[in-house]
All heavy atoms as atom14 arrays in JSON, in Angstrom:
{
  "sequence": "FSKYADSVEGRFTISRDIAKTTVYLQMDNLKPEDTAVYYCHVRHSR",
  "atom14_mask": [
    [1, 1, 1, 1, 1, 1, 1, 1, 1, 1, 1, 0, 0, 0],
    [1, 1, 1, 1, 1, 1, 0, 0, 0, 0, 0, 0, 0, 0],
    [1, 1, 1, 1, 1, 1, 1, 1, 1, 0, 0, 0, 0, 0],
    [1, 1, 1, 1, 1, 1, 1, 1, 1, 1, 1, 1, 0, 0],
    [1, 1, 1, 1, 1, 0, 0, 0, 0, 0, 0, 0, 0, 0],
    [1, 1, 1, 1, 1, 1, 1, 1, 0, 0, 0, 0, 0, 0],
    [1, 1, 1, 1, 1, 1, 0, 0, 0, 0, 0, 0, 0, 0],
    [1, 1, 1, 1, 1, 1, 1, 0, 0, 0, 0, 0, 0, 0],
    [1, 1, 1, 1, 1, 1, 1, 1, 1, 0, 0, 0, 0, 0],
    [1, 1, 1, 1, 0, 0, 0, 0, 0, 0, 0, 0, 0, 0],
    [1, 1, 1, 1, 1, 1, 1, 1, 1, 1, 1, 0, 0, 0],
    [1, 1, 1, 1, 1, 1, 1, 1, 1, 1, 1, 0, 0, 0],
    [1, 1, 1, 1, 1, 1, 1, 0, 0, 0, 0, 0, 0, 0],
    [1, 1, 1, 1, 1, 1, 1, 1, 0, 0, 0, 0, 0, 0],
    [1, 1, 1, 1, 1, 1, 0, 0, 0, 0, 0, 0, 0, 0],
    [1, 1, 1, 1, 1, 1, 1, 1, 1, 1, 1, 0, 0, 0],
    [1, 1, 1, 1, 1, 1, 1, 1, 0, 0, 0, 0, 0, 0],
    [1, 1, 1, 1, 1, 1, 1, 1, 0, 0, 0, 0, 0, 0],
    [1, 1, 1, 1, 1, 0, 0, 0, 0, 0, 0, 0, 0, 0],
    [1, 1, 1, 1, 1, 1, 1, 1, 1, 0, 0, 0, 0, 0],
    [1, 1, 1, 1, 1, 1, 1, 0, 0, 0, 0, 0, 0, 0],
    [1, 1, 1, 1, 1, 1, 1, 0, 0, 0, 0, 0, 0, 0],
    [1, 1, 1, 1, 1, 1, 1, 0, 0, 0, 0, 0, 0, 0],
    [1, 1, 1, 1, 1, 1, 1, 1, 1, 1, 1, 1, 0, 0],
    [1, 1, 1, 1, 1, 1, 1, 1, 0, 0, 0, 0, 0, 0],
    [1, 1, 1, 1, 1, 1, 1, 1, 1, 0, 0, 0, 0, 0],
    [1, 1, 1, 1, 1, 1, 1, 1, 0, 0, 0, 0, 0, 0],
    [1, 1, 1, 1, 1, 1, 1, 1, 0, 0, 0, 0, 0, 0],
    [1, 1, 1, 1, 1, 1, 1, 1, 0, 0, 0, 0, 0, 0],
    [1, 1, 1, 1, 1, 1, 1, 1, 0, 0, 0, 0, 0, 0],
    [1, 1, 1, 1, 1, 1, 1, 1, 1, 0, 0, 0, 0, 0],
    [1, 1, 1, 1, 1, 1, 1, 0, 0, 0, 0, 0, 0, 0],
    [1, 1, 1, 1, 1, 1, 1, 1, 1, 0, 0, 0, 0, 0],
    [1, 1, 1, 1, 1, 1, 1, 1, 0, 0, 0, 0, 0, 0],
    [1, 1, 1, 1, 1, 1, 1, 0, 0, 0, 0, 0, 0, 0],
    [1, 1, 1, 1, 1, 0, 0, 0, 0, 0, 0, 0, 0, 0],
    [1, 1, 1, 1, 1, 1, 1, 0, 0, 0, 0, 0, 0, 0],
    [1, 1, 1, 1, 1, 1, 1, 1, 1, 1, 1, 1, 0, 0],
    [1, 1, 1, 1, 1, 1, 1, 1, 1, 1, 1, 1, 0, 0],
    [1, 1, 1, 1, 1, 1, 0, 0, 0, 0, 0, 0, 0, 0],
    [1, 1, 1, 1, 1, 1, 1, 1, 1, 1, 0, 0, 0, 0],
    [1, 1, 1, 1, 1, 1, 1, 0, 0, 0, 0, 0, 0, 0],
    [1, 1, 1, 1, 1, 1, 1, 1, 1, 1, 1, 0, 0, 0],
    [1, 1, 1, 1, 1, 1, 1, 1, 1, 1, 0, 0, 0, 0],
    [1, 1, 1, 1, 1, 1, 0, 0, 0, 0, 0, 0, 0, 0],
    [1, 1, 1, 1, 1, 1, 1, 1, 1, 1, 1, 0, 0, 0]
  ],
  "atom14_positions": [
    [[-98.41, -21.28, -62.57], [-97.7, -20.82, -63.76], [-96.49, -21.71, -64.0], [-95.74, -22.02, -63.07], [-97.26, -19.37, -63.58], [-96.37, -18.87, -64.69], [-96.91, -18.45, -65.89], [-95.0, -18.82, -64.51], [-96.1, -17.99, -66.9], [-94.18, -18.36, -65.52], [-94.73, -17.95, -66.72], [0.0, 0.0, 0.0], [0.0, 0.0, 0.0], [0.0, 0.0, 0.0]],
    [[-96.31, -22.09, -65.24], [-95.15, -22.88, -65.59], [-94.68, -22.51, -66.99], [-95.46, -22.09, -67.84], [-95.45, -24.38, -65.52], [-96.46, -24.75, -66.45], [0.0, 0.0, 0.0], [0.0, 0.0, 0.0], [0.0, 0.0, 0.0], [0.0, 0.0, 0.0], [0.0, 0.0, 0.0], [0.0, 0.0, 0.0], [0.0, 0.0, 0.0], [0.0, 0.0, 0.0]],
    [[-93.39, -22.66, -67.21], [-92.83, -22.46, -68.53], [-91.59, -23.34, -68.66], [-91.0, -23.75, -67.66], [-92.5, -20.99, -68.8], [-91.46, -20.38, -67.86], [-91.22, -18.91, -68.23], [-90.19, -18.28, -67.3], [-89.94, -16.85, -67.64], [0.0, 0.0, 0.0], [0.0, 0.0, 0.0], [0.0, 0.0, 0.0], [0.0, 0.0, 0.0], [0.0, 0.0, 0.0]],
    [[-91.21, -23.57, -69.9], [-90.15, -24.52, -70.19], [-89.18, -23.96, -71.21], [-89.53, -23.11, -72.03], [-90.73, -25.82, -70.73], [-91.72, -26.48, -69.8], [-93.08, -26.17, -69.86], [-91.3, -27.4, -68.84], [-93.98, -26.76, -69.0], [-92.21, -27.99, -67.98], [-93.55, -27.67, -68.06], [-94.44, -28.26, -67.2], [0.0, 0.0, 0.0], [0.0, 0.0, 0.0]],
    [[-87.97, -24.45, -71.13], [-87.02, -24.15, -72.19], [-87.51, -24.77, -73.5], [-88.14, -25.82, -73.51], [-85.64, -24.7, -71.84], [0.0, 0.0, 0.0], [0.0, 0.0, 0.0], [0.0, 0.0, 0.0], [0.0, 0.0, 0.0], [0.0, 0.0, 0.0], [0.0, 0.0, 0.0], [0.0, 0.0, 0.0], [0.0, 0.0, 0.0], [0.0, 0.0, 0.0]],
    [[-87.21, -24.09, -74.6], [-87.65, -24.6, -75.89], [-87.16, -26.02, -76.15], [-87.85, -26.82, -76.78], [-87.15, -23.67, -77.01], [-87.85, -22.33, -77.02], [-88.93, -22.21, -76.4], [-87.32, -21.4, -77.66], [0.0, 0.0, 0.0], [0.0, 0.0, 0.0], [0.0, 0.0, 0.0], [0.0, 0.0, 0.0], [0.0, 0.0, 0.0], [0.0, 0.0, 0.0]],
    [[-85.99, -26.32, -75.66], [-85.38, -27.62, -75.92], [-86.1, -28.77, -75.24], [-85.91, -29.93, -75.63], [-83.91, -27.61, -75.52], [-83.77, -27.3, -74.14], [0.0, 0.0, 0.0], [0.0, 0.0, 0.0], [0.0, 0.0, 0.0], [0.0, 0.0, 0.0], [0.0, 0.0, 0.0], [0.0, 0.0, 0.0], [0.0, 0.0, 0.0], [0.0, 0.0, 0.0]],
    [[-86.89, -28.48, -74.21], [-87.58, -29.54, -73.47], [-89.09, -29.43, -73.56], [-89.79, -30.32, -73.06], [-87.14, -29.56, -72.0], [-85.63, -29.63, -71.88], [-87.68, -28.34, -71.25], [0.0, 0.0, 0.0], [0.0, 0.0, 0.0], [0.0, 0.0, 0.0], [0.0, 0.0, 0.0], [0.0, 0.0, 0.0], [0.0, 0.0, 0.0], [0.0, 0.0, 0.0]],
    [[-89.61, -28.39, -74.18], [-91.04, -28.2, -74.3], [-91.69, -29.42, -74.95], [-91.23, -29.9, -75.98], [-91.34, -26.94, -75.12], [-92.82, -26.65, -75.32], [-93.5, -26.23, -74.04], [-92.93, -25.39, -73.31], [-94.61, -26.73, -73.76], [0.0, 0.0, 0.0], [0.0, 0.0, 0.0], [0.0, 0.0, 0.0], [0.0, 0.0, 0.0], [0.0, 0.0, 0.0]],
    [[-92.74, -29.9, -74.32], [-93.45, -31.06, -74.82], [-92.91, -32.38, -74.31], [-93.56, -33.42, -74.49], [0.0, 0.0, 0.0], [0.0, 0.0, 0.0], [0.0, 0.0, 0.0], [0.0, 0.0, 0.0], [0.0, 0.0, 0.0], [0.0, 0.0, 0.0], [0.0, 0.0, 0.0], [0.0, 0.0, 0.0], [0.0, 0.0, 0.0], [0.0, 0.0, 0.0]],
    [[-91.74, -32.36, -73.71], [-91.13, -33.58, -73.18], [-91.04, -33.58, -71.66], [-91.12, -34.64, -71.05], [-89.74, -33.78, -73.77], [-89.73, -33.93, -75.28], [-88.35, -34.33, -75.8], [-87.35, -33.31, -75.52], [-86.28, -33.48, -74.75], [-86.06, -34.65, -74.16], [-85.41, -32.49, -74.56], [0.0, 0.0, 0.0], [0.0, 0.0, 0.0], [0.0, 0.0, 0.0]],
    [[-90.86, -32.41, -71.08], [-90.72, -32.29, -69.63], [-91.97, -31.66, -69.04], [-92.61, -30.81, -69.68], [-89.52, -31.42, -69.26], [-88.17, -32.03, -69.55], [-88.04, -33.19, -70.3], [-87.02, -31.43, -69.05], [-86.8, -33.73, -70.57], [-85.78, -31.97, -69.3], [-85.66, -33.12, -70.06], [0.0, 0.0, 0.0], [0.0, 0.0, 0.0], [0.0, 0.0, 0.0]],
    [[-92.31, -32.06, -67.83], [-93.44, -31.5, -67.12], [-93.07, -31.24, -65.68], [-92.56, -32.14, -65.0], [-94.66, -32.45, -67.17], [-94.99, -32.75, -68.53], [-95.86, -31.8, -66.49], [0.0, 0.0, 0.0], [0.0, 0.0, 0.0], [0.0, 0.0, 0.0], [0.0, 0.0, 0.0], [0.0, 0.0, 0.0], [0.0, 0.0, 0.0], [0.0, 0.0, 0.0]],
    [[-93.32, -30.04, -65.22], [-93.06, -29.69, -63.83], [-94.36, -29.79, -63.05], [-95.44, -29.42, -63.54], [-92.42, -28.28, -63.71], [-91.95, -28.02, -62.28], [-93.38, -27.21, -64.2], [-91.11, -26.77, -62.15], [0.0, 0.0, 0.0], [0.0, 0.0, 0.0], [0.0, 0.0, 0.0], [0.0, 0.0, 0.0], [0.0, 0.0, 0.0], [0.0, 0.0, 0.0]],
    [[-94.29, -30.3, -61.84], [-95.46, -30.45, -61.0], [-95.04, -30.39, -59.54], [-93.85, -30.37, -59.23], [-96.21, -31.75, -61.3], [-95.39, -32.87, -61.04], [0.0, 0.0, 0.0], [0.0, 0.0, 0.0], [0.0, 0.0, 0.0], [0.0, 0.0, 0.0], [0.0, 0.0, 0.0], [0.0, 0.0, 0.0], [0.0, 0.0, 0.0], [0.0, 0.0, 0.0]],
    [[-96.02, -30.39, -58.66], [-95.73, -30.36, -57.23], [-96.71, -31.24, -56.48], [-97.79, -31.56, -56.99], [-95.76, -28.94, -56.69], [-97.14, -28.29, -56.71], [-97.08, -26.87, -56.24], [-98.39, -26.22, -56.23], [-98.61, -24.96, -55.93], [-97.57, -24.17, -55.63], [-99.84, -24.48, -55.95], [0.0, 0.0, 0.0], [0.0, 0.0, 0.0], [0.0, 0.0, 0.0]],
    [[-96.33, -31.61, -55.28], [-97.21, -32.45, -54.48], [-98.26, -31.6, -53.79], [-98.23, -30.37, -53.82], [-96.4, -33.29, -53.49], [-95.69, -32.46, -52.44], [-95.8, -31.22, -52.45], [-95.03, -33.07, -51.57], [0.0, 0.0, 0.0], [0.0, 0.0, 0.0], [0.0, 0.0, 0.0], [0.0, 0.0, 0.0], [0.0, 0.0, 0.0], [0.0, 0.0, 0.0]],
    [[-99.2, -32.27, -53.13], [-100.32, -31.58, -52.49], [-99.83, -30.68, -51.37], [-100.33, -29.57, -51.18], [-101.34, -32.6, -51.97], [-101.96, -33.37, -53.14], [-102.42, -31.92, -51.15], [-102.87, -34.49, -52.72], [0.0, 0.0, 0.0], [0.0, 0.0, 0.0], [0.0, 0.0, 0.0], [0.0, 0.0, 0.0], [0.0, 0.0, 0.0], [0.0, 0.0, 0.0]],
    [[-98.84, -31.14, -50.64], [-98.3, -30.37, -49.53], [-97.45, -29.2, -49.99], [-97.08, -28.36, -49.16], [-97.5, -31.28, -48.61], [0.0, 0.0, 0.0], [0.0, 0.0, 0.0], [0.0, 0.0, 0.0], [0.0, 0.0, 0.0], [0.0, 0.0, 0.0], [0.0, 0.0, 0.0], [0.0, 0.0, 0.0], [0.0, 0.0, 0.0], [0.0, 0.0, 0.0]],
    [[-97.11, -29.15, -51.26], [-96.29, -28.08, -51.84], [-94.89, -28.04, -51.23], [-94.27, -26.98, -51.16], [-96.98, -26.73, -51.7], [-98.34, -26.66, -52.36], [-98.98, -25.3, -52.16], [-100.37, -25.25, -52.8], [-101.03, -23.93, -52.59], [0.0, 0.0, 0.0], [0.0, 0.0, 0.0], [0.0, 0.0, 0.0], [0.0, 0.0, 0.0], [0.0, 0.0, 0.0]],
    [[-94.43, -29.18, -50.81], [-93.09, -29.28, -50.26], [-92.1, -29.89, -51.23], [-90.89, -29.84, -50.99], [-93.09, -30.1, -48.96], [-93.62, -31.4, -49.21], [-93.93, -29.41, -47.9], [0.0, 0.0, 0.0], [0.0, 0.0, 0.0], [0.0, 0.0, 0.0], [0.0, 0.0, 0.0], [0.0, 0.0, 0.0], [0.0, 0.0, 0.0], [0.0, 0.0, 0.0]],
    [[-92.62, -30.48, -52.3], [-91.78, -31.13, -53.28], [-92.22, -30.76, -54.69], [-93.42, -30.75, -54.99], [-91.82, -32.66, -53.13], [-91.45, -33.02, -51.79], [-90.87, -33.33, -54.1], [0.0, 0.0, 0.0], [0.0, 0.0, 0.0], [0.0, 0.0, 0.0], [0.0, 0.0, 0.0], [0.0, 0.0, 0.0], [0.0, 0.0, 0.0], [0.0, 0.0, 0.0]],
    [[-91.28, -30.43, -55.52], [-91.53, -30.16, -56.93], [-90.86, -31.24, -57.76], [-89.73, -31.64, -57.47], [-91.03, -28.76, -57.33], [-91.1, -28.57, -58.84], [-91.86, -27.69, -56.64], [0.0, 0.0, 0.0], [0.0, 0.0, 0.0], [0.0, 0.0, 0.0], [0.0, 0.0, 0.0], [0.0, 0.0, 0.0], [0.0, 0.0, 0.0], [0.0, 0.0, 0.0]],
    [[-91.56, -31.69, -58.77], [-91.07, -32.77, -59.61], [-90.8, -32.27, -61.02], [-91.38, -31.31, -61.5], [-92.1, -33.91, -59.67], [-92.5, -34.44, -58.33], [-93.65, -33.98, -57.69], [-91.73, -35.41, -57.69], [-94.02, -34.47, -56.46], [-92.1, -35.91, -56.46], [-93.25, -35.43, -55.85], [-93.61, -35.92, -54.62], [0.0, 0.0, 0.0], [0.0, 0.0, 0.0]],
    [[-89.92, -32.96, -61.68], [-89.68, -32.75, -63.09], [-89.78, -34.09, -63.79], [-88.87, -34.92, -63.67], [-88.32, -32.1, -63.35], [-88.03, -31.72, -64.8], [-88.97, -30.61, -65.26], [-86.58, -31.31, -64.98], [0.0, 0.0, 0.0], [0.0, 0.0, 0.0], [0.0, 0.0, 0.0], [0.0, 0.0, 0.0], [0.0, 0.0, 0.0], [0.0, 0.0, 0.0]],
    [[-90.89, -34.31, -64.46], [-91.08, -35.52, -65.24], [-90.43, -35.33, -66.6], [-90.8, -34.42, -67.34], [-92.57, -35.84, -65.39], [-92.85, -37.08, -66.24], [-92.37, -38.35, -65.6], [-92.55, -38.55, -64.4], [-91.76, -39.23, -66.39], [0.0, 0.0, 0.0], [0.0, 0.0, 0.0], [0.0, 0.0, 0.0], [0.0, 0.0, 0.0], [0.0, 0.0, 0.0]],
    [[-89.48, -36.16, -66.92], [-88.72, -36.04, -68.14], [-89.0, -37.27, -69.0], [-88.66, -38.38, -68.63], [-87.23, -35.91, -67.86], [-86.88, -34.77, -66.91], [-85.1, -34.56, -66.69], [-84.7, -36.13, -65.88], [0.0, 0.0, 0.0], [0.0, 0.0, 0.0], [0.0, 0.0, 0.0], [0.0, 0.0, 0.0], [0.0, 0.0, 0.0], [0.0, 0.0, 0.0]],
    [[-89.64, -37.04, -70.13], [-89.98, -38.1, -71.06], [-89.24, -37.91, -72.37], [-88.81, -36.81, -72.71], [-91.49, -38.12, -71.32], [-92.32, -38.42, -70.09], [-91.93, -39.31, -69.31], [-93.36, -37.76, -69.9], [0.0, 0.0, 0.0], [0.0, 0.0, 0.0], [0.0, 0.0, 0.0], [0.0, 0.0, 0.0], [0.0, 0.0, 0.0], [0.0, 0.0, 0.0]],
    [[-89.13, -39.0, -73.11], [-88.45, -38.97, -74.4], [-87.08, -38.29, -74.29], [-86.75, -37.39, -75.05], [-89.32, -38.27, -75.45], [-88.81, -38.48, -76.85], [-88.1, -39.44, -77.14], [-89.16, -37.56, -77.75], [0.0, 0.0, 0.0], [0.0, 0.0, 0.0], [0.0, 0.0, 0.0], [0.0, 0.0, 0.0], [0.0, 0.0, 0.0], [0.0, 0.0, 0.0]],
    [[-86.32, -38.75, -73.34], [-85.02, -38.14, -73.07], [-84.06, -38.31, -74.24], [-84.05, -39.35, -74.92], [-84.42, -38.71, -71.8], [-85.04, -38.17, -70.52], [-84.74, -39.09, -69.35], [-84.51, -36.76, -70.23], [0.0, 0.0, 0.0], [0.0, 0.0, 0.0], [0.0, 0.0, 0.0], [0.0, 0.0, 0.0], [0.0, 0.0, 0.0], [0.0, 0.0, 0.0]],
    [[-83.27, -37.29, -74.44], [-82.28, -37.26, -75.5], [-80.88, -37.18, -74.91], [-80.71, -36.69, -73.79], [-82.51, -36.05, -76.42], [-83.93, -35.92, -76.95], [-84.29, -37.07, -77.88], [-85.67, -36.85, -78.48], [-86.05, -38.0, -79.36], [0.0, 0.0, 0.0], [0.0, 0.0, 0.0], [0.0, 0.0, 0.0], [0.0, 0.0, 0.0], [0.0, 0.0, 0.0]],
    [[-79.86, -37.62, -75.64], [-78.5, -37.48, -75.12], [-78.14, -36.05, -74.73], [-77.39, -35.86, -73.77], [-77.63, -37.99, -76.28], [-78.51, -38.96, -76.99], [-79.9, -38.38, -76.9], [0.0, 0.0, 0.0], [0.0, 0.0, 0.0], [0.0, 0.0, 0.0], [0.0, 0.0, 0.0], [0.0, 0.0, 0.0], [0.0, 0.0, 0.0], [0.0, 0.0, 0.0]],
    [[-78.67, -35.08, -75.44], [-78.38, -33.69, -75.12], [-79.02, -33.23, -73.82], [-78.73, -32.12, -73.35], [-78.81, -32.76, -76.27], [-80.26, -32.93, -76.69], [-80.42, -33.86, -77.89], [-79.7, -34.88, -77.97], [-81.26, -33.57, -78.76], [0.0, 0.0, 0.0], [0.0, 0.0, 0.0], [0.0, 0.0, 0.0], [0.0, 0.0, 0.0], [0.0, 0.0, 0.0]],
    [[-79.87, -34.05, -73.23], [-80.42, -33.75, -71.92], [-79.44, -34.09, -70.8], [-79.71, -33.76, -69.64], [-81.73, -34.5, -71.69], [-82.83, -34.07, -72.63], [-82.96, -32.85, -72.89], [-83.57, -34.95, -73.11], [0.0, 0.0, 0.0], [0.0, 0.0, 0.0], [0.0, 0.0, 0.0], [0.0, 0.0, 0.0], [0.0, 0.0, 0.0], [0.0, 0.0, 0.0]],
    [[-78.36, -34.75, -71.13], [-77.37, -35.12, -70.13], [-76.81, -33.88, -69.46], [-76.3, -32.97, -70.12], [-76.24, -35.93, -70.76], [-76.76, -37.16, -71.28], [-75.16, -36.24, -69.74], [0.0, 0.0, 0.0], [0.0, 0.0, 0.0], [0.0, 0.0, 0.0], [0.0, 0.0, 0.0], [0.0, 0.0, 0.0], [0.0, 0.0, 0.0], [0.0, 0.0, 0.0]],
    [[-76.92, -33.83, -68.15], [-76.48, -32.66, -67.4], [-76.68, -32.94, -65.91], [-77.3, -33.93, -65.52], [-77.28, -31.42, -67.8], [0.0, 0.0, 0.0], [0.0, 0.0, 0.0], [0.0, 0.0, 0.0], [0.0, 0.0, 0.0], [0.0, 0.0, 0.0], [0.0, 0.0, 0.0], [0.0, 0.0, 0.0], [0.0, 0.0, 0.0], [0.0, 0.0, 0.0]],
    [[-76.15, -32.05, -65.11], [-76.5, -32.02, -63.71], [-77.71, -31.1, -63.57], [-77.69, -29.95, -64.03], [-75.34, -31.52, -62.83], [-75.77, -31.44, -61.37], [-74.13, -32.44, -62.98], [0.0, 0.0, 0.0], [0.0, 0.0, 0.0], [0.0, 0.0, 0.0], [0.0, 0.0, 0.0], [0.0, 0.0, 0.0], [0.0, 0.0, 0.0], [0.0, 0.0, 0.0]],
    [[-78.75, -31.61, -62.95], [-79.98, -30.86, -62.79], [-80.05, -30.29, -61.37], [-79.84, -31.02, -60.4], [-81.19, -31.74, -63.07], [-81.39, -31.99, -64.55], [-80.51, -32.8, -65.26], [-82.45, -31.39, -65.24], [-80.68, -33.01, -66.61], [-82.61, -31.6, -66.59], [-81.73, -32.41, -67.28], [-81.9, -32.62, -68.63], [0.0, 0.0, 0.0], [0.0, 0.0, 0.0]],
    [[-80.36, -29.01, -61.3], [-80.4, -28.3, -60.03], [-81.79, -27.74, -59.77], [-82.43, -27.21, -60.68], [-79.41, -27.13, -60.02], [-77.96, -27.53, -60.17], [-77.37, -27.61, -61.43], [-77.19, -27.83, -59.05], [-76.05, -27.97, -61.57], [-75.86, -28.18, -59.19], [-75.3, -28.25, -60.45], [-73.97, -28.6, -60.58], [0.0, 0.0, 0.0], [0.0, 0.0, 0.0]],
    [[-82.22, -27.84, -58.55], [-83.44, -27.19, -58.12], [-83.11, -25.84, -57.51], [-82.2, -25.74, -56.67], [-84.17, -28.07, -57.11], [-85.75, -27.4, -56.55], [0.0, 0.0, 0.0], [0.0, 0.0, 0.0], [0.0, 0.0, 0.0], [0.0, 0.0, 0.0], [0.0, 0.0, 0.0], [0.0, 0.0, 0.0], [0.0, 0.0, 0.0], [0.0, 0.0, 0.0]],
    [[-83.83, -24.83, -57.93], [-83.67, -23.48, -57.42], [-84.95, -23.03, -56.74], [-86.05, -23.23, -57.27], [-83.31, -22.52, -58.56], [-83.48, -21.07, -58.2], [-84.52, -20.31, -58.7], [-82.77, -20.26, -57.39], [-84.42, -19.08, -58.23], [-83.37, -19.03, -57.43], [0.0, 0.0, 0.0], [0.0, 0.0, 0.0], [0.0, 0.0, 0.0], [0.0, 0.0, 0.0]],
    [[-84.81, -22.43, -55.59], [-85.95, -21.94, -54.82], [-85.76, -20.45, -54.57], [-84.72, -20.02, -54.06], [-86.1, -22.68, -53.48], [-87.18, -22.03, -52.63], [-86.41, -24.15, -53.72], [0.0, 0.0, 0.0], [0.0, 0.0, 0.0], [0.0, 0.0, 0.0], [0.0, 0.0, 0.0], [0.0, 0.0, 0.0], [0.0, 0.0, 0.0], [0.0, 0.0, 0.0]],
    [[-86.77, -19.68, -54.95], [-86.78, -18.25, -54.67], [-87.68, -18.02, -53.47], [-88.85, -18.38, -53.47], [-87.27, -17.46, -55.87], [-87.27, -15.94, -55.66], [-87.84, -15.23, -56.87], [-87.08, -15.55, -58.07], [-87.53, -15.38, -59.3], [-88.75, -14.9, -59.5], [-86.77, -15.69, -60.33], [0.0, 0.0, 0.0], [0.0, 0.0, 0.0], [0.0, 0.0, 0.0]],
    [[-87.12, -17.41, -52.44], [-87.83, -17.13, -51.22], [-88.19, -15.66, -51.17], [-87.32, -14.81, -51.41], [-86.96, -17.52, -50.02], [-87.7, -17.74, -48.75], [-87.68, -16.84, -47.71], [-88.48, -18.77, -48.34], [-88.41, -17.3, -46.71], [-88.91, -18.46, -47.07], [0.0, 0.0, 0.0], [0.0, 0.0, 0.0], [0.0, 0.0, 0.0], [0.0, 0.0, 0.0]],
    [[-89.44, -15.35, -50.87], [-89.91, -13.97, -50.93], [-89.91, -13.25, -49.59], [-89.86, -12.03, -49.55], [-91.32, -13.91, -51.53], [-92.25, -14.61, -50.73], [0.0, 0.0, 0.0], [0.0, 0.0, 0.0], [0.0, 0.0, 0.0], [0.0, 0.0, 0.0], [0.0, 0.0, 0.0], [0.0, 0.0, 0.0], [0.0, 0.0, 0.0], [0.0, 0.0, 0.0]],
    [[-89.94, -13.98, -48.5], [-89.98, -13.36, -47.2], [-89.11, -14.13, -46.21], [-89.57, -15.09, -45.58], [-91.42, -13.22, -46.69], [-92.29, -14.45, -46.81], [-93.68, -14.14, -46.24], [-94.48, -15.36, -46.15], [-95.37, -15.74, -47.03], [-95.59, -15.01, -48.11], [-96.05, -16.87, -46.86], [0.0, 0.0, 0.0], [0.0, 0.0, 0.0], [0.0, 0.0, 0.0]]
  ]
}
C-alpha cells in the first residue's frame, strides 16, 4: 500500500528493496517548493 501527498503525486515514487531493510523515495521533476528536510518515519508494531 502506498499513498502520496497531492503536491507530489505523479512525481514521487516510494519503493523498497528485496530485503525490506531500505525504503526509497524517487523524486522526479523536482520543483523549488520541494525544498525541505526529508525525514524517514518508521512505525513499529511489536
